Amino acid sequence: MWRRRSLVGAASDEEAARLATSSFQRFLNVIRGKPIFVPPPVDSMQGLWSESERSVVESKFGVAVIGGPDTVQQKLARFLRATNVDELIFASDLYDHRDRLRSFEIAAEAMKTLDTAELQRI
């Protein structure tokens, strides 16, 4: 069994939160019926969405893995302990391709460092 997870890994939790705004804006455009190109990140989503739109977007990304290396590792470990999945598929809708690649690298590093015994219990 597999699960698709949204992923935004960056050098810090704050940078990941900023980069995640590209994904938030993209999904917001889906809701609004607008073109869904990945927009550049913004410092804040405040003023870009209504409260109801914010609620819908945040619920969509409620299980996303967004954070710096330690946060990504913790969220992945928690998710793997809570599920019976044997495969994860990550999607990373980031504006800059280098950020997307780094996000995948952070997830790969996190998976390598997870305790093998912990993963075998799943």
PDB file of N, CA and C in Angstrom:
ATOM      1  N   MET A   1       0.841  -1.163   0.000  1.00  0.00           N
ATOM      2  CA  MET A   1       0.000   0.000   0.000  1.00  0.00           C
ATOM      3  C   MET A   1       0.898   1.242   0.000  1.00  0.00           C
ATOM      4  N   TRP A   2       0.499   2.260  -0.723  1.00  0.00           N
ATOM      5  CA  TRP A   2       1.282   3.481  -0.813  1.00  0.00           C
ATOM      6  C   TRP A   2       0.418   4.695  -0.513  1.00  0.00           C
ATOM      7  N   ARG A   3       1.068   5.774  -0.229  1.00  0.00           N
ATOM      8  CA  ARG A   3       0.395   7.053   0.013  1.00  0.00           C
ATOM      9  C   ARG A   3       1.158   8.162  -0.695  1.00  0.00           C
ATOM     10  N   ARG A   4       0.413   9.100  -1.255  1.00  0.00           N
ATOM     11  CA  ARG A   4       1.018  10.279  -1.870  1.00  0.00           C
ATOM     12  C   ARG A   4       1.042  11.374  -0.828  1.00  0.00           C
ATOM     13  N   ARG A   5       2.196  11.980  -0.656  1.00  0.00           N
ATOM     14  CA  ARG A   5       2.367  13.026   0.343  1.00  0.00           C
ATOM     15  C   ARG A   5       2.934  14.278  -0.305  1.00  0.00           C
ATOM     16  N   SER A   6       2.390  15.420   0.050  1.00  0.00           N
ATOM     17  CA  SER A   6       2.986  16.681  -0.371  1.00  0.00           C
ATOM     18  C   SER A   6       4.210  16.920   0.490  1.00  0.00           C
ATOM     19  N   LEU A   7       5.268  17.395  -0.150  1.00  0.00           N
ATOM     20  CA  LEU A   7       6.542  17.564   0.532  1.00  0.00           C
ATOM     21  C   LEU A   7       7.123  18.933   0.238  1.00  0.00           C
ATOM     22  N   VAL A   8       7.536  19.618   1.287  1.00  0.00           N
ATOM     23  CA  VAL A   8       8.326  20.838   1.156  1.00  0.00           C
ATOM     24  C   VAL A   8       9.405  20.766   2.228  1.00  0.00           C
ATOM     25  N   GLY A   9      10.584  20.367   1.810  1.00  0.00           N
ATOM     26  CA  GLY A   9      11.725  20.334   2.709  1.00  0.00           C
ATOM     27  C   GLY A   9      12.654  21.481   2.352  1.00  0.00           C
ATOM     28  N   ALA A  10      13.225  22.106   3.370  1.00  0.00           N
ATOM     29  CA  ALA A  10      14.144  23.229   3.153  1.00  0.00           C
ATOM     30  C   ALA A  10      15.136  23.263   4.315  1.00  0.00           C
ATOM     31  N   ALA A  11      16.014  24.237   4.281  1.00  0.00           N
ATOM     32  CA  ALA A  11      17.052  24.351   5.308  1.00  0.00           C
ATOM     33  C   ALA A  11      16.464  24.591   6.702  1.00  0.00           C
ATOM     34  N   SER A  12      15.304  25.226   6.779  1.00  0.00           N
ATOM     35  CA  SER A  12      14.672  25.518   8.074  1.00  0.00           C
ATOM     36  C   SER A  12      13.156  25.404   7.940  1.00  0.00           C
ATOM     37  N   ASP A  13      12.481  25.330   9.069  1.00  0.00           N
ATOM     38  CA  ASP A  13      11.019  25.298   9.066  1.00  0.00           C
ATOM     39  C   ASP A  13      10.455  26.574   8.447  1.00  0.00           C
ATOM     40  N   GLU A  14      11.091  27.708   8.752  1.00  0.00           N
ATOM     41  CA  GLU A  14      10.612  28.989   8.240  1.00  0.00           C
ATOM     42  C   GLU A  14      10.737  29.062   6.719  1.00  0.00           C
ATOM     43  N   GLU A  15      11.866  28.605   6.189  1.00  0.00           N
ATOM     44  CA  GLU A  15      12.058  28.622   4.731  1.00  0.00           C
ATOM     45  C   GLU A  15      11.085  27.652   4.066  1.00  0.00           C
ATOM     46  N   ALA A  16      10.861  26.507   4.664  1.00  0.00           N
ATOM     47  CA  ALA A  16       9.899  25.549   4.103  1.00  0.00           C
ATOM     48  C   ALA A  16       8.495  26.145   4.083  1.00  0.00           C
ATOM     49  N   ALA A  17       8.134  26.855   5.143  1.00  0.00           N
ATOM     50  CA  ALA A  17       6.807  27.491   5.189  1.00  0.00           C
ATOM     51  C   ALA A  17       6.675  28.518   4.073  1.00  0.00           C
ATOM     52  N   ARG A  18       7.726  29.280   3.820  1.00  0.00           N
ATOM     53  CA  ARG A  18       7.684  30.262   2.735  1.00  0.00           C
ATOM     54  C   ARG A  18       7.580  29.563   1.385  1.00  0.00           C
ATOM     55  N   LEU A  19       8.373  28.529   1.167  1.00  0.00           N
ATOM     56  CA  LEU A  19       8.329  27.802  -0.106  1.00  0.00           C
ATOM     57  C   LEU A  19       6.967  27.136  -0.323  1.00  0.00           C
ATOM     58  N   ALA A  20       6.342  26.695   0.748  1.00  0.00           N
ATOM     59  CA  ALA A  20       5.034  26.026   0.647  1.00  0.00           C
ATOM     60  C   ALA A  20       3.954  26.953   0.108  1.00  0.00           C
ATOM     61  N   THR A  21       4.167  28.256   0.192  1.00  0.00           N
ATOM     62  CA  THR A  21       3.149  29.176  -0.318  1.00  0.00           C
ATOM     63  C   THR A  21       2.940  29.012  -1.822  1.00  0.00           C
ATOM     64  N   SER A  22       3.938  28.495  -2.539  1.00  0.00           N
ATOM     65  CA  SER A  22       3.735  28.209  -3.973  1.00  0.00           C
ATOM     66  C   SER A  22       2.664  27.145  -4.152  1.00  0.00           C
ATOM     67  N   SER A  23       2.749  26.091  -3.358  1.00  0.00           N
ATOM     68  CA  SER A  23       1.752  25.017  -3.416  1.00  0.00           C
ATOM     69  C   SER A  23       0.386  25.520  -2.983  1.00  0.00           C
ATOM     70  N   PHE A  24       0.360  26.344  -1.941  1.00  0.00           N
ATOM     71  CA  PHE A  24      -0.911  26.886  -1.457  1.00  0.00           C
ATOM     72  C   PHE A  24      -1.568  27.743  -2.538  1.00  0.00           C
ATOM     73  N   GLN A  25      -0.765  28.613  -3.169  1.00  0.00           N
ATOM     74  CA  GLN A  25      -1.314  29.480  -4.217  1.00  0.00           C
ATOM     75  C   GLN A  25      -1.800  28.655  -5.407  1.00  0.00           C
ATOM     76  N   ARG A  26      -1.062  27.605  -5.738  1.00  0.00           N
ATOM     77  CA  ARG A  26      -1.453  26.750  -6.866  1.00  0.00           C
ATOM     78  C   ARG A  26      -2.806  26.096  -6.587  1.00  0.00           C
ATOM     79  N   PHE A  27      -2.969  25.529  -5.398  1.00  0.00           N
ATOM     80  CA  PHE A  27      -4.238  24.891  -5.067  1.00  0.00           C
ATOM     81  C   PHE A  27      -5.345  25.928  -4.965  1.00  0.00           C
ATOM     82  N   LEU A  28      -5.033  27.104  -4.467  1.00  0.00           N
ATOM     83  CA  LEU A  28      -6.011  28.193  -4.414  1.00  0.00           C
ATOM     84  C   LEU A  28      -6.503  28.521  -5.819  1.00  0.00           C
ATOM     85  N   ASN A  29      -5.612  28.508  -6.796  1.00  0.00           N
ATOM     86  CA  ASN A  29      -6.012  28.750  -8.186  1.00  0.00           C
ATOM     87  C   ASN A  29      -6.903  27.631  -8.711  1.00  0.00           C
ATOM     88  N   VAL A  30      -6.667  26.410  -8.281  1.00  0.00           N
ATOM     89  CA  VAL A  30      -7.547  25.294  -8.659  1.00  0.00           C
ATOM     90  C   VAL A  30      -8.956  25.570  -8.148  1.00  0.00           C
ATOM     91  N   ILE A  31      -9.057  25.954  -6.886  1.00  0.00           N
ATOM     92  CA  ILE A  31     -10.356  26.258  -6.282  1.00  0.00           C
ATOM     93  C   ILE A  31     -11.066  27.362  -7.055  1.00  0.00           C
ATOM     94  N   ARG A  32     -10.298  28.339  -7.483  1.00  0.00           N
ATOM     95  CA  ARG A  32     -10.873  29.500  -8.171  1.00  0.00           C
ATOM     96  C   ARG A  32     -11.071  29.291  -9.666  1.00  0.00           C
ATOM     97  N   GLY A  33     -10.665  28.136 -10.177  1.00  0.00           N
ATOM     98  CA  GLY A  33     -10.822  27.859 -11.601  1.00  0.00           C
ATOM     99  C   GLY A  33      -9.861  28.642 -12.478  1.00  0.00           C
ATOM    100  N   LYS A  34      -8.723  29.001 -11.936  1.00  0.00           N
ATOM    101  CA  LYS A  34      -7.712  29.753 -12.684  1.00  0.00           C
ATOM    102  C   LYS A  34      -6.610  28.810 -13.141  1.00  0.00           C
ATOM    103  N   PRO A  35      -5.752  29.268 -14.066  1.00  0.00           N
ATOM    104  CA  PRO A  35      -4.618  28.430 -14.483  1.00  0.00           C
ATOM    105  C   PRO A  35      -3.796  27.995 -13.272  1.00  0.00           C
ATOM    106  N   ILE A  36      -3.265  26.793 -13.346  1.00  0.00           N
ATOM    107  CA  ILE A  36      -2.612  26.216 -12.170  1.00  0.00           C
ATOM    108  C   ILE A  36      -1.095  26.156 -12.293  1.00  0.00           C
ATOM    109  N   PHE A  37      -0.511  27.112 -12.951  1.00  0.00           N
ATOM    110  CA  PHE A  37       0.947  27.181 -12.972  1.00  0.00           C
ATOM    111  C   PHE A  37       1.445  27.396 -11.548  1.00  0.00           C
ATOM    112  N   VAL A  38       2.640  26.910 -11.260  1.00  0.00           N
ATOM    113  CA  VAL A  38       3.197  27.080  -9.922  1.00  0.00           C
ATOM    114  C   VAL A  38       3.761  28.497  -9.803  1.00  0.00           C
ATOM    115  N   PRO A  39       3.173  29.319  -8.920  1.00  0.00           N
ATOM    116  CA  PRO A  39       3.642  30.694  -8.759  1.00  0.00           C
ATOM    117  C   PRO A  39       4.847  30.765  -7.819  1.00  0.00           C
ATOM    118  N   PRO A  40       5.586  31.855  -7.861  1.00  0.00           N
ATOM    119  CA  PRO A  40       6.709  32.008  -6.924  1.00  0.00           C
ATOM    120  C   PRO A  40       6.193  32.116  -5.493  1.00  0.00           C
ATOM    121  N   PRO A  41       7.012  31.736  -4.526  1.00  0.00           N
ATOM    122  CA  PRO A  41       6.585  31.837  -3.127  1.00  0.00           C
ATOM    123  C   PRO A  41       6.441  33.294  -2.705  1.00  0.00           C
ATOM    124  N   VAL A  42       5.649  33.483  -1.666  1.00  0.00           N
ATOM    125  CA  VAL A  42       5.448  34.806  -1.072  1.00  0.00           C
ATOM    126  C   VAL A  42       5.768  34.708   0.420  1.00  0.00           C
ATOM    127  N   ASP A  43       6.023  35.853   1.023  1.00  0.00           N
ATOM    128  CA  ASP A  43       6.342  35.858   2.453  1.00  0.00           C
ATOM    129  C   ASP A  43       5.131  35.541   3.315  1.00  0.00           C
ATOM    130  N   SER A  44       3.942  35.830   2.806  1.00  0.00           N
ATOM    131  CA  SER A  44       2.732  35.590   3.578  1.00  0.00           C
ATOM    132  C   SER A  44       1.550  35.385   2.637  1.00  0.00           C
ATOM    133  N   MET A  45       0.658  34.519   3.007  1.00  0.00           N
ATOM    134  CA  MET A  45      -0.572  34.304   2.252  1.00  0.00           C
ATOM    135  C   MET A  45      -1.660  35.281   2.691  1.00  0.00           C
ATOM    136  N   GLN A  46      -1.397  36.056   3.727  1.00  0.00           N
ATOM    137  CA  GLN A  46      -2.383  37.014   4.224  1.00  0.00           C
ATOM    138  C   GLN A  46      -2.779  37.969   3.109  1.00  0.00           C
ATOM    139  N   GLY A  47      -4.067  38.121   2.915  1.00  0.00           N
ATOM    140  CA  GLY A  47      -4.590  38.995   1.887  1.00  0.00           C
ATOM    141  C   GLY A  47      -4.749  38.318   0.526  1.00  0.00           C
ATOM    142  N   LEU A  48      -4.218  37.104   0.388  1.00  0.00           N
ATOM    143  CA  LEU A  48      -4.327  36.386  -0.889  1.00  0.00           C
ATOM    144  C   LEU A  48      -5.516  35.444  -0.928  1.00  0.00           C
ATOM    145  N   TRP A  49      -6.038  35.103   0.254  1.00  0.00           N
ATOM    146  CA  TRP A  49      -7.156  34.167   0.297  1.00  0.00           C
ATOM    147  C   TRP A  49      -8.185  34.612   1.327  1.00  0.00           C
ATOM    148  N   SER A  50      -9.406  34.155   1.123  1.00  0.00           N
ATOM    149  CA  SER A  50     -10.454  34.407   2.107  1.00  0.00           C
ATOM    150  C   SER A  50     -10.321  33.362   3.217  1.00  0.00           C
ATOM    151  N   GLU A  51     -11.028  33.554   4.306  1.00  0.00           N
ATOM    152  CA  GLU A  51     -10.985  32.582   5.407  1.00  0.00           C
ATOM    153  C   GLU A  51     -11.455  31.198   4.961  1.00  0.00           C
ATOM    154  N   SER A  52     -12.519  31.166   4.148  1.00  0.00           N
ATOM    155  CA  SER A  52     -13.020  29.860   3.696  1.00  0.00           C
ATOM    156  C   SER A  52     -12.019  29.191   2.753  1.00  0.00           C
ATOM    157  N   GLU A  53     -11.388  29.975   1.888  1.00  0.00           N
ATOM    158  CA  GLU A  53     -10.366  29.406   1.001  1.00  0.00           C
ATOM    159  C   GLU A  53      -9.172  28.912   1.816  1.00  0.00           C
ATOM    160  N   ARG A  54      -8.764  29.676   2.806  1.00  0.00           N
ATOM    161  CA  ARG A  54      -7.650  29.265   3.665  1.00  0.00           C
ATOM    162  C   ARG A  54      -7.961  27.933   4.331  1.00  0.00           C
ATOM    163  N   SER A  55      -9.187  27.786   4.806  1.00  0.00           N
ATOM    164  CA  SER A  55      -9.598  26.553   5.465  1.00  0.00           C
ATOM    165  C   SER A  55      -9.515  25.353   4.517  1.00  0.00           C
ATOM    166  N   VAL A  56      -9.982  25.536   3.286  1.00  0.00           N
ATOM    167  CA  VAL A  56      -9.941  24.447   2.300  1.00  0.00           C
ATOM    168  C   VAL A  56      -8.493  24.091   1.950  1.00  0.00           C
ATOM    169  N   VAL A  57      -7.667  25.094   1.710  1.00  0.00           N
ATOM    170  CA  VAL A  57      -6.267  24.843   1.349  1.00  0.00           C
ATOM    171  C   VAL A  57      -5.542  24.168   2.507  1.00  0.00           C
ATOM    172  N   GLU A  58      -5.720  24.678   3.706  1.00  0.00           N
ATOM    173  CA  GLU A  58      -5.043  24.089   4.859  1.00  0.00           C
ATOM    174  C   GLU A  58      -5.502  22.664   5.129  1.00  0.00           C
ATOM    175  N   SER A  59      -6.774  22.359   4.879  1.00  0.00           N
ATOM    176  CA  SER A  59      -7.226  20.982   5.073  1.00  0.00           C
ATOM    177  C   SER A  59      -6.598  20.054   4.034  1.00  0.00           C
ATOM    178  N   LYS A  60      -6.401  20.552   2.828  1.00  0.00           N
ATOM    179  CA  LYS A  60      -5.744  19.753   1.781  1.00  0.00           C
ATOM    180  C   LYS A  60      -4.298  19.441   2.157  1.00  0.00           C
ATOM    181  N   PHE A  61      -3.638  20.389   2.800  1.00  0.00           N
ATOM    182  CA  PHE A  61      -2.231  20.220   3.140  1.00  0.00           C
ATOM    183  C   PHE A  61      -2.025  19.815   4.598  1.00  0.00           C
ATOM    184  N   GLY A  62      -3.084  19.393   5.257  1.00  0.00           N
ATOM    185  CA  GLY A  62      -2.993  19.010   6.655  1.00  0.00           C
ATOM    186  C   GLY A  62      -2.051  17.855   6.926  1.00  0.00           C
ATOM    187  N   VAL A  63      -1.876  16.977   5.975  1.00  0.00           N
ATOM    188  CA  VAL A  63      -0.975  15.846   6.156  1.00  0.00           C
ATOM    189  C   VAL A  63       0.325  16.023   5.372  1.00  0.00           C
ATOM    190  N   ALA A  64       0.551  17.219   4.876  1.00  0.00           N
ATOM    191  CA  ALA A  64       1.776  17.492   4.122  1.00  0.00           C
ATOM    192  C   ALA A  64       2.985  17.464   5.058  1.00  0.00           C
ATOM    193  N   VAL A  65       4.123  17.149   4.491  1.00  0.00           N
ATOM    194  CA  VAL A  65       5.381  17.190   5.224  1.00  0.00           C
ATOM    195  C   VAL A  65       6.067  18.489   4.819  1.00  0.00           C
ATOM    196  N   ILE A  66       6.051  19.464   5.725  1.00  0.00           N
ATOM    197  CA  ILE A  66       6.614  20.782   5.459  1.00  0.00           C
ATOM    198  C   ILE A  66       7.546  21.120   6.605  1.00  0.00           C
ATOM    199  N   GLY A  67       8.830  21.361   6.305  1.00  0.00           N
ATOM    200  CA  GLY A  67       9.742  21.746   7.372  1.00  0.00           C
ATOM    201  C   GLY A  67      11.191  21.582   6.993  1.00  0.00           C
ATOM    202  N   GLY A  68      12.031  21.894   7.962  1.00  0.00           N
ATOM    203  CA  GLY A  68      13.463  21.684   7.827  1.00  0.00           C
ATOM    204  C   GLY A  68      13.789  20.210   8.010  1.00  0.00           C
ATOM    205  N   PRO A  69      15.048  19.841   7.888  1.00  0.00           N
ATOM    206  CA  PRO A  69      15.429  18.422   7.964  1.00  0.00           C
ATOM    207  C   PRO A  69      14.913  17.678   9.189  1.00  0.00           C
ATOM    208  N   ASP A  70      15.041  18.262  10.374  1.00  0.00           N
ATOM    209  CA  ASP A  70      14.577  17.570  11.581  1.00  0.00           C
ATOM    210  C   ASP A  70      13.062  17.395  11.589  1.00  0.00           C
ATOM    211  N   THR A  71      12.354  18.440  11.185  1.00  0.00           N
ATOM    212  CA  THR A  71      10.891  18.375  11.144  1.00  0.00           C
ATOM    213  C   THR A  71      10.422  17.349  10.124  1.00  0.00           C
ATOM    214  N   VAL A  72      11.060  17.329   8.953  1.00  0.00           N
ATOM    215  CA  VAL A  72      10.701  16.343   7.923  1.00  0.00           C
ATOM    216  C   VAL A  72      10.898  14.938   8.467  1.00  0.00           C
ATOM    217  N   GLN A  73      12.022  14.693   9.116  1.00  0.00           N
ATOM    218  CA  GLN A  73      12.290  13.361   9.663  1.00  0.00           C
ATOM    219  C   GLN A  73      11.241  12.978  10.708  1.00  0.00           C
ATOM    220  N   GLN A  74      10.909  13.908  11.608  1.00  0.00           N
ATOM    221  CA  GLN A  74       9.918  13.624  12.652  1.00  0.00           C
ATOM    222  C   GLN A  74       8.542  13.339  12.065  1.00  0.00           C
ATOM    223  N   LYS A  75       8.133  14.145  11.085  1.00  0.00           N
ATOM    224  CA  LYS A  75       6.813  13.952  10.475  1.00  0.00           C
ATOM    225  C   LYS A  75       6.749  12.641   9.705  1.00  0.00           C
ATOM    226  N   LEU A  76       7.817  12.295   9.007  1.00  0.00           N
ATOM    227  CA  LEU A  76       7.827  11.025   8.276  1.00  0.00           C
ATOM    228  C   LEU A  76       7.795   9.850   9.236  1.00  0.00           C
ATOM    229  N   ALA A  77       8.568   9.913  10.308  1.00  0.00           N
ATOM    230  CA  ALA A  77       8.570   8.826  11.296  1.00  0.00           C
ATOM    231  C   ALA A  77       7.191   8.661  11.907  1.00  0.00           C
ATOM    232  N   ARG A  78       6.561   9.780  12.261  1.00  0.00           N
ATOM    233  CA  ARG A  78       5.220   9.739  12.851  1.00  0.00           C
ATOM    234  C   ARG A  78       4.217   9.122  11.871  1.00  0.00           C
ATOM    235  N   PHE A  79       4.304   9.534  10.611  1.00  0.00           N
ATOM    236  CA  PHE A  79       3.388   9.020   9.600  1.00  0.00           C
ATOM    237  C   PHE A  79       3.594   7.518   9.383  1.00  0.00           C
ATOM    238  N   LEU A  80       4.834   7.096   9.298  1.00  0.00           N
ATOM    239  CA  LEU A  80       5.117   5.678   9.081  1.00  0.00           C
ATOM    240  C   LEU A  80       4.664   4.824  10.270  1.00  0.00           C
ATOM    241  N   ARG A  81       4.813   5.347  11.482  1.00  0.00           N
ATOM    242  CA  ARG A  81       4.341   4.609  12.665  1.00  0.00           C
ATOM    243  C   ARG A  81       2.822   4.496  12.682  1.00  0.00           C
ATOM    244  N   ALA A  82       2.141   5.509  12.157  1.00  0.00           N
ATOM    245  CA  ALA A  82       0.681   5.553  12.233  1.00  0.00           C
ATOM    246  C   ALA A  82      -0.016   4.798  11.107  1.00  0.00           C
ATOM    247  N   THR A  83       0.718   4.383  10.093  1.00  0.00           N
ATOM    248  CA  THR A  83       0.105   3.735   8.930  1.00  0.00           C
ATOM    249  C   THR A  83       0.779   2.405   8.635  1.00  0.00           C
ATOM    250  N   ASN A  84       0.209   1.676   7.713  1.00  0.00           N
ATOM    251  CA  ASN A  84       0.805   0.416   7.273  1.00  0.00           C
ATOM    252  C   ASN A  84       1.374   0.524   5.869  1.00  0.00           C
ATOM    253  N   VAL A  85       1.704   1.718   5.451  1.00  0.00           N
ATOM    254  CA  VAL A  85       2.213   1.887   4.087  1.00  0.00           C
ATOM    255  C   VAL A  85       3.607   1.305   3.970  1.00  0.00           C
ATOM    256  N   ASP A  86       3.903   0.771   2.800  1.00  0.00           N
ATOM    257  CA  ASP A  86       5.248   0.272   2.547  1.00  0.00           C
ATOM    258  C   ASP A  86       5.936   1.082   1.449  1.00  0.00           C
ATOM    259  N   GLU A  87       5.259   2.130   1.009  1.00  0.00           N
ATOM    260  CA  GLU A  87       5.833   2.984  -0.021  1.00  0.00           C
ATOM    261  C   GLU A  87       5.233   4.385   0.113  1.00  0.00           C
ATOM    262  N   LEU A  88       6.087   5.378  -0.027  1.00  0.00           N
ATOM    263  CA  LEU A  88       5.641   6.765  -0.031  1.00  0.00           C
ATOM    264  C   LEU A  88       5.969   7.379  -1.384  1.00  0.00           C
ATOM    265  N   ILE A  89       5.058   8.162  -1.894  1.00  0.00           N
ATOM    266  CA  ILE A  89       5.280   8.906  -3.132  1.00  0.00           C
ATOM    267  C   ILE A  89       5.153  10.374  -2.777  1.00  0.00           C
ATOM    268  N   PHE A  90       6.207  11.137  -3.052  1.00  0.00           N
ATOM    269  CA  PHE A  90       6.203  12.546  -2.706  1.00  0.00           C
ATOM    270  C   PHE A  90       5.924  13.400  -3.927  1.00  0.00           C
ATOM    271  N   ALA A  91       5.140  14.442  -3.722  1.00  0.00           N
ATOM    272  CA  ALA A  91       4.914  15.471  -4.735  1.00  0.00           C
ATOM    273  C   ALA A  91       5.391  16.778  -4.130  1.00  0.00           C
ATOM    274  N   SER A  92       6.130  17.536  -4.905  1.00  0.00           N
ATOM    275  CA  SER A  92       6.688  18.777  -4.390  1.00  0.00           C
ATOM    276  C   SER A  92       6.490  19.873  -5.437  1.00  0.00           C
ATOM    277  N   ASP A  93       5.431  20.643  -5.277  1.00  0.00           N
ATOM    278  CA  ASP A  93       5.101  21.719  -6.218  1.00  0.00           C
ATOM    279  C   ASP A  93       5.811  23.000  -5.809  1.00  0.00           C
ATOM    280  N   LEU A  94       7.090  23.054  -6.081  1.00  0.00           N
ATOM    281  CA  LEU A  94       7.859  24.240  -5.740  1.00  0.00           C
ATOM    282  C   LEU A  94       8.220  25.006  -7.004  1.00  0.00           C
ATOM    283  N   TYR A  95       8.285  26.314  -6.876  1.00  0.00           N
ATOM    284  CA  TYR A  95       8.525  27.198  -8.020  1.00  0.00           C
ATOM    285  C   TYR A  95       9.907  26.979  -8.643  1.00  0.00           C
ATOM    286  N   ASP A  96      10.918  26.905  -7.813  1.00  0.00           N
ATOM    287  CA  ASP A  96      12.296  26.753  -8.294  1.00  0.00           C
ATOM    288  C   ASP A  96      12.677  25.270  -8.293  1.00  0.00           C
ATOM    289  N   HIS A  97      13.142  24.797  -9.429  1.00  0.00           N
ATOM    290  CA  HIS A  97      13.482  23.381  -9.557  1.00  0.00           C
ATOM    291  C   HIS A  97      14.568  22.968  -8.559  1.00  0.00           C
ATOM    292  N   ARG A  98      15.514  23.854  -8.297  1.00  0.00           N
ATOM    293  CA  ARG A  98      16.577  23.524  -7.324  1.00  0.00           C
ATOM    294  C   ARG A  98      15.988  23.316  -5.932  1.00  0.00           C
ATOM    295  N   ASP A  99      14.991  24.123  -5.567  1.00  0.00           N
ATOM    296  CA  ASP A  99      14.320  23.931  -4.278  1.00  0.00           C
ATOM    297  C   ASP A  99      13.591  22.598  -4.243  1.00  0.00           C
ATOM    298  N   ARG A 100      12.984  22.227  -5.360  1.00  0.00           N
ATOM    299  CA  ARG A 100      12.275  20.946  -5.446  1.00  0.00           C
ATOM    300  C   ARG A 100      13.252  19.786  -5.259  1.00  0.00           C
ATOM    301  N   LEU A 101      14.387  19.847  -5.941  1.00  0.00           N
ATOM    302  CA  LEU A 101      15.384  18.785  -5.804  1.00  0.00           C
ATOM    303  C   LEU A 101      15.902  18.704  -4.372  1.00  0.00           C
ATOM    304  N   ARG A 102      16.176  19.852  -3.761  1.00  0.00           N
ATOM    305  CA  ARG A 102      16.668  19.869  -2.385  1.00  0.00           C
ATOM    306  C   ARG A 102      15.608  19.295  -1.449  1.00  0.00           C
ATOM    307  N   SER A 103      14.349  19.570  -1.712  1.00  0.00           N
ATOM    308  CA  SER A 103      13.267  19.031  -0.906  1.00  0.00           C
ATOM    309  C   SER A 103      13.275  17.500  -0.946  1.00  0.00           C
ATOM    310  N   PHE A 104      13.446  16.941  -2.128  1.00  0.00           N
ATOM    311  CA  PHE A 104      13.523  15.479  -2.261  1.00  0.00           C
ATOM    312  C   PHE A 104      14.773  14.927  -1.575  1.00  0.00           C
ATOM    313  N   GLU A 105      15.883  15.649  -1.657  1.00  0.00           N
ATOM    314  CA  GLU A 105      17.108  15.212  -0.981  1.00  0.00           C
ATOM    315  C   GLU A 105      16.907  15.161   0.528  1.00  0.00           C
ATOM    316  N   ILE A 106      16.256  16.167   1.071  1.00  0.00           N
ATOM    317  CA  ILE A 106      15.989  16.207   2.509  1.00  0.00           C
ATOM    318  C   ILE A 106      15.118  15.025   2.925  1.00  0.00           C
ATOM    319  N   ALA A 107      14.099  14.708   2.123  1.00  0.00           N
ATOM    320  CA  ALA A 107      13.243  13.553   2.431  1.00  0.00           C
ATOM    321  C   ALA A 107      14.042  12.251   2.347  1.00  0.00           C
ATOM    322  N   ALA A 108      14.890  12.125   1.339  1.00  0.00           N
ATOM    323  CA  ALA A 108      15.702  10.911   1.191  1.00  0.00           C
ATOM    324  C   ALA A 108      16.653  10.756   2.380  1.00  0.00           C
ATOM    325  N   GLU A 109      17.277  11.856   2.794  1.00  0.00           N
ATOM    326  CA  GLU A 109      18.173  11.810   3.948  1.00  0.00           C
ATOM    327  C   GLU A 109      17.402  11.432   5.212  1.00  0.00           C
ATOM    328  N   ALA A 110      16.202  11.962   5.356  1.00  0.00           N
ATOM    329  CA  ALA A 110      15.382  11.639   6.521  1.00  0.00           C
ATOM    330  C   ALA A 110      15.034  10.156   6.542  1.00  0.00           C
ATOM    331  N   MET A 111      14.672   9.616   5.396  1.00  0.00           N
ATOM    332  CA  MET A 111      14.320   8.194   5.331  1.00  0.00           C
ATOM    333  C   MET A 111      15.529   7.315   5.669  1.00  0.00           C
ATOM    334  N   LYS A 112      16.715   7.727   5.246  1.00  0.00           N
ATOM    335  CA  LYS A 112      17.923   6.954   5.546  1.00  0.00           C
ATOM    336  C   LYS A 112      18.221   6.940   7.036  1.00  0.00           C
ATOM    337  N   THR A 113      17.934   8.043   7.704  1.00  0.00           N
ATOM    338  CA  THR A 113      18.300   8.141   9.112  1.00  0.00           C
ATOM    339  C   THR A 113      17.252   7.563  10.054  1.00  0.00           C
ATOM    340  N   LEU A 114      16.066   7.267   9.531  1.00  0.00           N
ATOM    341  CA  LEU A 114      15.064   6.636  10.394  1.00  0.00           C
ATOM    342  C   LEU A 114      15.583   5.281  10.845  1.00  0.00           C
ATOM    343  N   ASP A 115      15.343   4.991  12.071  1.00  0.00           N
ATOM    344  CA  ASP A 115      15.815   3.745  12.661  1.00  0.00           C
ATOM    345  C   ASP A 115      15.243   2.543  11.924  1.00  0.00           C
ATOM    346  N   THR A 116      16.117   1.669  11.449  1.00  0.00           N
ATOM    347  CA  THR A 116      15.696   0.479  10.697  1.00  0.00           C
ATOM    348  C   THR A 116      14.738  -0.381  11.510  1.00  0.00           C
ATOM    349  N   ALA A 117      15.010  -0.535  12.773  1.00  0.00           N
ATOM    350  CA  ALA A 117      14.121  -1.347  13.622  1.00  0.00           C
ATOM    351  C   ALA A 117      12.734  -0.722  13.692  1.00  0.00           C
ATOM    352  N   GLU A 118      12.703   0.591  13.746  1.00  0.00           N
ATOM    353  CA  GLU A 118      11.416   1.295  13.794  1.00  0.00           C
ATOM    354  C   GLU A 118      10.631   1.018  12.509  1.00  0.00           C
ATOM    355  N   LEU A 119      11.289   1.069  11.371  1.00  0.00           N
ATOM    356  CA  LEU A 119      10.622   0.821  10.096  1.00  0.00           C
ATOM    357  C   LEU A 119      10.190  -0.637   9.974  1.00  0.00           C
ATOM    358  N   GLN A 120      10.930  -1.565  10.536  1.00  0.00           N
ATOM    359  CA  GLN A 120      10.561  -2.971  10.460  1.00  0.00           C
ATOM    360  C   GLN A 120       9.337  -3.297  11.301  1.00  0.00           C
ATOM    361  N   ARG A 121       9.037  -2.482  12.301  1.00  0.00           N
ATOM    362  CA  ARG A 121       7.853  -2.702  13.140  1.00  0.00           C
ATOM    363  C   ARG A 121       6.582  -2.373  12.405  1.00  0.00           C
ATOM    364  N   ILE A 122       6.696  -1.644  11.329  1.00  0.00           N
ATOM    365  CA  ILE A 122       5.509  -1.177  10.609  1.00  0.00           C
ATOM    366  C   ILE A 122       4.794  -2.305   9.930  1.00  0.00           C
TER     367      ILE A 122
END
